Amino acid sequence: QKRSQKKKRSVIVNNESNIQNGNSSDNDKVTTTTQITNSFKALQEKISLQYQQRLSADPNFVSKSIAEVITAAGTQLTAEVGRRGLQRMGPEIDFVIAGL
C-alpha cells in the first residue's frame, strides 16, 4: 500500500510538473482533475459522517452553533463600531463586512 501511495504521489507530482512546464497532455490534466475531484469527494464524505455523528451525540448542536456564530458576529461588529465609529461605518462597509 505504501508503494501505491508513493506511486500516486509521484504521478501527481509528475503531472503537476508537466502542466507547469507546458508539457501536459489532455490525459494528464484529466487524471489530475479526477484525483482532485476524488479527494474533495472523500473529504466531503468524511465531514458529512463526522457532522452526523456530532449531531447524533448532541441534538442541540445546530442551535448551539447558530448561537455561537451570532455571538461572534455581534462581538466583531461591536469591535468594528468601536474602532471606526458610526460615522465611518457606511463608507467603510466593505471592510466591516470582510471583518465579520
N, C-alpha and C. Protein backbone atom coordinates (compact mmCIF):
# COMPACT_ATOMS: atom_id res chain seq x y z
N GLN A 1 0.83 -1.21 0.00
CA GLN A 1 0.00 0.00 0.00
C GLN A 1 0.87 1.26 0.00
N LYS A 2 1.98 1.22 0.73
CA LYS A 2 2.87 2.38 0.75
C LYS A 2 3.45 2.63 -0.64
N ARG A 3 3.73 1.54 -1.37
CA ARG A 3 4.27 1.71 -2.73
C ARG A 3 3.25 2.38 -3.63
N SER A 4 1.98 1.96 -3.50
CA SER A 4 0.96 2.57 -4.36
C SER A 4 0.75 4.03 -4.01
N GLN A 5 0.87 4.38 -2.72
CA GLN A 5 0.75 5.79 -2.32
C GLN A 5 1.91 6.60 -2.88
N LYS A 6 3.13 6.05 -2.81
CA LYS A 6 4.28 6.75 -3.36
C LYS A 6 4.14 6.90 -4.86
N LYS A 7 3.64 5.85 -5.52
CA LYS A 7 3.46 5.91 -6.96
C LYS A 7 2.42 6.97 -7.32
N LYS A 8 1.32 7.02 -6.58
CA LYS A 8 0.28 8.02 -6.83
C LYS A 8 0.85 9.42 -6.63
N ARG A 9 1.63 9.61 -5.56
CA ARG A 9 2.23 10.92 -5.30
C ARG A 9 3.17 11.31 -6.43
N SER A 10 3.97 10.35 -6.90
CA SER A 10 4.90 10.68 -7.98
C SER A 10 4.15 11.00 -9.26
N VAL A 11 3.04 10.31 -9.50
CA VAL A 11 2.23 10.60 -10.69
C VAL A 11 1.66 12.01 -10.59
N ILE A 12 1.16 12.35 -9.41
CA ILE A 12 0.60 13.69 -9.21
C ILE A 12 1.69 14.74 -9.40
N VAL A 13 2.86 14.52 -8.79
CA VAL A 13 3.96 15.48 -8.92
C VAL A 13 4.40 15.59 -10.37
N ASN A 14 4.53 14.45 -11.05
CA ASN A 14 4.93 14.48 -12.46
C ASN A 14 3.90 15.19 -13.31
N ASN A 15 2.62 14.93 -13.05
CA ASN A 15 1.56 15.60 -13.80
C ASN A 15 1.59 17.10 -13.55
N GLU A 16 1.77 17.50 -12.29
CA GLU A 16 1.82 18.93 -11.97
C GLU A 16 3.04 19.57 -12.63
N SER A 17 4.18 18.88 -12.63
CA SER A 17 5.38 19.42 -13.27
C SER A 17 5.16 19.58 -14.77
N ASN A 18 4.55 18.59 -15.38
CA ASN A 18 4.27 18.66 -16.81
C ASN A 18 3.33 19.81 -17.13
N ILE A 19 2.33 20.01 -16.30
CA ILE A 19 1.38 21.10 -16.52
C ILE A 19 2.08 22.44 -16.38
N GLN A 20 2.92 22.59 -15.36
CA GLN A 20 3.63 23.84 -15.16
C GLN A 20 4.61 24.12 -16.28
N ASN A 21 5.22 23.08 -16.84
CA ASN A 21 6.19 23.25 -17.92
C ASN A 21 5.55 23.34 -19.29
N GLY A 22 4.24 23.18 -19.34
CA GLY A 22 3.54 23.24 -20.61
C GLY A 22 3.66 21.95 -21.41
N ASN A 23 4.11 20.87 -20.77
CA ASN A 23 4.28 19.59 -21.44
C ASN A 23 3.14 18.63 -21.14
N SER A 24 2.02 19.14 -20.72
CA SER A 24 0.95 18.27 -20.28
C SER A 24 0.11 17.81 -21.47
N SER A 25 -0.36 16.62 -21.33
CA SER A 25 -1.30 16.11 -22.31
C SER A 25 -2.70 16.23 -21.70
N ASP A 26 -3.69 16.06 -22.53
CA ASP A 26 -5.06 16.11 -22.02
C ASP A 26 -5.29 15.01 -21.00
N ASN A 27 -4.65 13.87 -21.18
CA ASN A 27 -4.81 12.76 -20.25
C ASN A 27 -4.26 13.12 -18.88
N ASP A 28 -3.11 13.80 -18.83
CA ASP A 28 -2.53 14.24 -17.56
C ASP A 28 -3.47 15.18 -16.83
N LYS A 29 -4.05 16.10 -17.58
CA LYS A 29 -4.97 17.07 -16.97
C LYS A 29 -6.21 16.37 -16.43
N VAL A 30 -6.75 15.43 -17.19
CA VAL A 30 -7.93 14.69 -16.75
C VAL A 30 -7.61 13.87 -15.51
N THR A 31 -6.45 13.22 -15.52
CA THR A 31 -6.05 12.42 -14.36
C THR A 31 -5.91 13.29 -13.12
N THR A 32 -5.24 14.42 -13.24
CA THR A 32 -5.07 15.32 -12.10
C THR A 32 -6.41 15.85 -11.64
N THR A 33 -7.26 16.24 -12.56
CA THR A 33 -8.58 16.75 -12.20
C THR A 33 -9.40 15.68 -11.51
N THR A 34 -9.34 14.46 -12.00
CA THR A 34 -10.07 13.35 -11.39
C THR A 34 -9.57 13.10 -9.97
N GLN A 35 -8.26 13.14 -9.79
CA GLN A 35 -7.69 12.91 -8.47
C GLN A 35 -8.11 14.00 -7.50
N ILE A 36 -8.11 15.23 -7.95
CA ILE A 36 -8.53 16.34 -7.08
C ILE A 36 -10.01 16.19 -6.75
N THR A 37 -10.82 15.86 -7.75
CA THR A 37 -12.25 15.69 -7.52
C THR A 37 -12.50 14.56 -6.52
N ASN A 38 -11.79 13.46 -6.68
CA ASN A 38 -11.95 12.33 -5.76
C ASN A 38 -11.52 12.71 -4.35
N SER A 39 -10.48 13.53 -4.22
CA SER A 39 -10.03 13.97 -2.89
C SER A 39 -11.09 14.82 -2.22
N PHE A 40 -11.70 15.73 -2.99
CA PHE A 40 -12.75 16.57 -2.43
C PHE A 40 -13.97 15.75 -2.04
N LYS A 41 -14.32 14.76 -2.85
CA LYS A 41 -15.46 13.90 -2.53
C LYS A 41 -15.21 13.13 -1.24
N ALA A 42 -14.00 12.61 -1.09
CA ALA A 42 -13.65 11.86 0.11
C ALA A 42 -13.70 12.77 1.34
N LEU A 43 -13.20 14.00 1.18
CA LEU A 43 -13.23 14.96 2.29
C LEU A 43 -14.67 15.31 2.65
N GLN A 44 -15.50 15.52 1.64
CA GLN A 44 -16.91 15.84 1.88
C GLN A 44 -17.62 14.70 2.60
N GLU A 45 -17.37 13.47 2.20
CA GLU A 45 -17.99 12.33 2.85
C GLU A 45 -17.53 12.21 4.30
N LYS A 46 -16.25 12.46 4.54
CA LYS A 46 -15.71 12.38 5.90
C LYS A 46 -16.34 13.45 6.80
N ILE A 47 -16.43 14.67 6.29
CA ILE A 47 -17.03 15.76 7.06
C ILE A 47 -18.49 15.46 7.33
N SER A 48 -19.20 14.96 6.33
CA SER A 48 -20.61 14.64 6.48
C SER A 48 -20.82 13.58 7.56
N LEU A 49 -19.99 12.55 7.53
CA LEU A 49 -20.10 11.49 8.53
C LEU A 49 -19.82 12.03 9.92
N GLN A 50 -18.78 12.85 10.07
CA GLN A 50 -18.46 13.40 11.37
C GLN A 50 -19.55 14.35 11.87
N TYR A 51 -20.14 15.11 10.95
CA TYR A 51 -21.23 16.01 11.32
C TYR A 51 -22.43 15.21 11.81
N GLN A 52 -22.77 14.14 11.12
CA GLN A 52 -23.89 13.29 11.54
C GLN A 52 -23.62 12.67 12.90
N GLN A 53 -22.39 12.24 13.14
CA GLN A 53 -22.04 11.68 14.44
C GLN A 53 -22.15 12.73 15.53
N ARG A 54 -21.69 13.92 15.24
CA ARG A 54 -21.76 15.02 16.22
C ARG A 54 -23.20 15.38 16.52
N LEU A 55 -24.03 15.41 15.48
CA LEU A 55 -25.44 15.74 15.64
C LEU A 55 -26.17 14.66 16.43
N SER A 56 -25.83 13.41 16.21
CA SER A 56 -26.48 12.34 16.97
C SER A 56 -26.02 12.34 18.43
N ALA A 57 -24.82 12.81 18.70
CA ALA A 57 -24.32 12.89 20.07
C ALA A 57 -24.97 14.04 20.84
N ASP A 58 -25.30 15.13 20.13
CA ASP A 58 -25.91 16.29 20.77
C ASP A 58 -26.96 16.89 19.83
N PRO A 59 -28.24 16.59 20.05
CA PRO A 59 -29.29 17.09 19.16
C PRO A 59 -29.37 18.62 19.11
N ASN A 60 -28.87 19.31 20.12
CA ASN A 60 -28.90 20.77 20.15
C ASN A 60 -27.67 21.40 19.50
N PHE A 61 -26.88 20.60 18.82
CA PHE A 61 -25.64 21.08 18.23
C PHE A 61 -25.88 22.22 17.24
N VAL A 62 -26.89 22.10 16.39
CA VAL A 62 -27.16 23.13 15.39
C VAL A 62 -27.54 24.43 16.07
N SER A 63 -28.41 24.36 17.08
CA SER A 63 -28.81 25.57 17.81
C SER A 63 -27.62 26.23 18.48
N LYS A 64 -26.78 25.44 19.08
CA LYS A 64 -25.59 25.98 19.75
C LYS A 64 -24.64 26.62 18.75
N SER A 65 -24.49 25.98 17.59
CA SER A 65 -23.61 26.53 16.56
C SER A 65 -24.12 27.86 16.05
N ILE A 66 -25.42 27.95 15.82
CA ILE A 66 -26.01 29.21 15.34
C ILE A 66 -25.84 30.30 16.39
N ALA A 67 -26.09 29.96 17.65
CA ALA A 67 -25.91 30.95 18.72
C ALA A 67 -24.45 31.41 18.80
N GLU A 68 -23.53 30.50 18.62
CA GLU A 68 -22.11 30.86 18.66
C GLU A 68 -21.73 31.80 17.52
N VAL A 69 -22.24 31.52 16.32
CA VAL A 69 -21.93 32.37 15.17
C VAL A 69 -22.52 33.76 15.36
N ILE A 70 -23.75 33.84 15.85
CA ILE A 70 -24.40 35.13 16.08
C ILE A 70 -23.64 35.92 17.14
N THR A 71 -23.23 35.25 18.20
CA THR A 71 -22.47 35.92 19.26
C THR A 71 -21.13 36.44 18.73
N ALA A 72 -20.44 35.62 17.95
CA ALA A 72 -19.15 36.04 17.40
C ALA A 72 -19.31 37.22 16.44
N ALA A 73 -20.32 37.16 15.57
CA ALA A 73 -20.54 38.25 14.62
C ALA A 73 -20.94 39.53 15.34
N GLY A 74 -21.77 39.41 16.37
CA GLY A 74 -22.17 40.58 17.15
C GLY A 74 -21.00 41.21 17.87
N THR A 75 -20.14 40.39 18.43
CA THR A 75 -18.95 40.88 19.12
C THR A 75 -18.02 41.58 18.14
N GLN A 76 -17.82 40.98 16.96
CA GLN A 76 -16.95 41.59 15.96
C GLN A 76 -17.54 42.90 15.46
N LEU A 77 -18.84 42.95 15.25
CA LEU A 77 -19.50 44.18 14.81
C LEU A 77 -19.34 45.28 15.85
N THR A 78 -19.49 44.92 17.11
CA THR A 78 -19.29 45.89 18.19
C THR A 78 -17.86 46.42 18.18
N ALA A 79 -16.89 45.54 17.95
CA ALA A 79 -15.49 45.96 17.88
C ALA A 79 -15.26 46.89 16.69
N GLU A 80 -15.89 46.59 15.55
CA GLU A 80 -15.74 47.44 14.36
C GLU A 80 -16.33 48.82 14.61
N VAL A 81 -17.48 48.88 15.25
CA VAL A 81 -18.08 50.18 15.56
C VAL A 81 -17.18 50.95 16.51
N GLY A 82 -16.62 50.27 17.51
CA GLY A 82 -15.71 50.91 18.45
C GLY A 82 -14.45 51.43 17.77
N ARG A 83 -13.96 50.67 16.82
CA ARG A 83 -12.73 51.05 16.14
C ARG A 83 -12.96 52.17 15.12
N ARG A 84 -14.04 52.08 14.36
CA ARG A 84 -14.27 53.02 13.27
C ARG A 84 -15.22 54.15 13.64
N GLY A 85 -16.12 53.90 14.56
CA GLY A 85 -17.15 54.89 14.87
C GLY A 85 -18.31 54.75 13.89
N LEU A 86 -19.48 55.20 14.29
CA LEU A 86 -20.66 55.05 13.45
C LEU A 86 -20.57 55.86 12.16
N GLN A 87 -19.87 56.99 12.19
CA GLN A 87 -19.79 57.84 11.01
C GLN A 87 -19.01 57.16 9.88
N ARG A 88 -18.02 56.36 10.20
CA ARG A 88 -17.19 55.73 9.18
C ARG A 88 -17.68 54.34 8.79
N MET A 89 -18.74 53.87 9.40
CA MET A 89 -19.23 52.52 9.09
C MET A 89 -19.76 52.45 7.67
N GLY A 90 -20.48 53.44 7.23
CA GLY A 90 -21.05 53.44 5.87
C GLY A 90 -20.00 53.44 4.78
N PRO A 91 -19.09 54.43 4.80
CA PRO A 91 -18.07 54.48 3.74
C PRO A 91 -17.12 53.27 3.76
N GLU A 92 -16.95 52.66 4.89
CA GLU A 92 -16.00 51.53 5.00
C GLU A 92 -16.74 50.20 5.19
N ILE A 93 -17.97 50.13 4.70
CA ILE A 93 -18.78 48.93 4.93
C ILE A 93 -18.14 47.68 4.35
N ASP A 94 -17.41 47.80 3.25
CA ASP A 94 -16.75 46.62 2.66
C ASP A 94 -15.72 46.03 3.61
N PHE A 95 -14.99 46.89 4.33
CA PHE A 95 -14.03 46.41 5.31
C PHE A 95 -14.74 45.83 6.53
N VAL A 96 -15.85 46.43 6.90
CA VAL A 96 -16.60 45.93 8.06
C VAL A 96 -17.15 44.55 7.77
N ILE A 97 -17.72 44.37 6.59
CA ILE A 97 -18.29 43.07 6.23
C ILE A 97 -17.17 42.02 6.14
N ALA A 98 -16.04 42.41 5.58
CA ALA A 98 -14.92 41.46 5.49
C ALA A 98 -14.44 41.07 6.88
N GLY A 99 -14.52 41.98 7.84
CA GLY A 99 -14.10 41.69 9.20
C GLY A 99 -15.05 40.76 9.94
N LEU A 100 -16.29 40.74 9.51
CA LEU A 100 -17.26 39.86 10.16
C LEU A 100 -17.06 38.45 9.67
